[in-house]
Amino acid sequence: MLRKGNRFSDYNFRMLARRRVKERFREAREETSEDKLKFLFEDAQKNSEMLDRQTVVGELYRWTPVTFVDQKHS
């Protein structure tokens, strides 16, 4: 999941994804209930799919700085 988060081209989205993944794993680290672990695993799969979709959307609508070229008219 960290690899998927690192695929964002925008720094802010990349850091947000990494932070969220680390937070989720820390929350689940000490969980022992089988039902809760199953729920967390399914939630992680959904988040993984969401990261895939968001990286594709981010690439489609990548922000590029606008540059103006001064053209002299003859």
Protein backbone atom coordinates (compact mmCIF):
# COMPACT_ATOMS: atom_id res chain seq x y z
CA MET A 1 0.00 0.00 0.00
CA LEU A 2 2.92 2.32 0.61
CA ARG A 3 4.09 1.67 -2.94
CA LYS A 4 0.68 2.59 -4.26
CA GLY A 5 0.73 5.78 -2.22
CA ASN A 6 4.14 6.68 -3.61
CA ARG A 7 2.79 6.63 -7.16
CA PHE A 8 1.05 9.99 -6.71
CA SER A 9 2.86 12.68 -8.66
CA ASP A 10 1.72 15.44 -6.30
CA TYR A 11 3.78 15.66 -3.11
CA ASN A 12 0.82 16.53 -0.86
CA PHE A 13 -1.30 13.57 -2.02
CA ARG A 14 1.71 11.26 -1.78
CA MET A 15 2.44 12.26 1.83
CA LEU A 16 -1.26 12.05 2.77
CA ALA A 17 -1.52 8.53 1.36
CA ARG A 18 1.64 7.40 3.16
CA ARG A 19 0.48 8.91 6.45
CA ARG A 20 -2.97 7.31 6.21
CA VAL A 21 -1.53 3.88 5.40
CA LYS A 22 0.87 4.05 8.35
CA GLU A 23 -1.93 5.17 10.69
CA ARG A 24 -4.17 2.29 9.62
CA PHE A 25 -1.43 -0.28 10.16
CA ARG A 26 -0.62 1.14 13.59
CA GLU A 27 -4.30 0.90 14.56
CA ALA A 28 -4.50 -2.72 13.42
CA ARG A 29 -1.16 -3.82 14.90
CA GLU A 30 -2.54 -4.79 18.30
CA GLU A 31 -5.90 -6.09 17.15
CA THR A 32 -6.58 -9.73 18.06
CA SER A 33 -10.28 -10.17 17.28
CA GLU A 34 -10.69 -12.30 14.17
CA ASP A 35 -13.86 -10.48 13.09
CA LYS A 36 -12.22 -7.09 13.49
CA LEU A 37 -9.12 -8.26 11.56
CA LYS A 38 -11.31 -9.53 8.75
CA PHE A 39 -13.09 -6.18 8.61
CA LEU A 40 -9.77 -4.30 8.61
CA PHE A 41 -8.43 -6.51 5.82
CA GLU A 42 -11.51 -5.86 3.66
CA ASP A 43 -11.22 -2.16 4.39
CA ALA A 44 -7.55 -2.24 3.36
CA GLN A 45 -8.50 -3.90 0.07
CA LYS A 46 -11.06 -1.16 -0.61
CA ASN A 47 -8.48 1.51 0.22
CA SER A 48 -5.99 -0.18 -2.09
CA GLU A 49 -8.48 -0.05 -4.95
CA MET A 50 -9.21 3.58 -4.14
CA LEU A 51 -5.50 4.43 -4.28
CA ASP A 52 -5.30 2.80 -7.71
CA ARG A 53 -8.23 4.86 -8.97
CA GLN A 54 -6.95 8.09 -7.49
CA THR A 55 -3.50 7.72 -9.02
CA VAL A 56 -5.07 7.19 -12.45
CA VAL A 57 -7.31 10.24 -12.01
CA GLY A 58 -4.34 12.26 -10.77
CA GLU A 59 -2.38 11.36 -13.88
CA LEU A 60 -5.30 12.25 -16.15
CA TYR A 61 -5.71 15.70 -14.61
CA ARG A 62 -2.10 16.49 -13.78
CA TRP A 63 -1.50 20.12 -13.00
CA THR A 64 1.07 21.86 -15.15
CA PRO A 65 2.16 25.44 -14.65
CA VAL A 66 0.90 27.85 -17.25
CA THR A 67 3.59 29.74 -19.08
CA PHE A 68 2.92 32.71 -21.25
CA VAL A 69 5.07 33.37 -24.24
CA ASP A 70 5.44 36.95 -25.29
CA GLN A 71 4.88 36.93 -29.03
CA LYS A 72 5.38 40.10 -31.01
CA HIS A 73 2.99 40.63 -33.84
CA SER A 74 4.63 41.84 -37.05
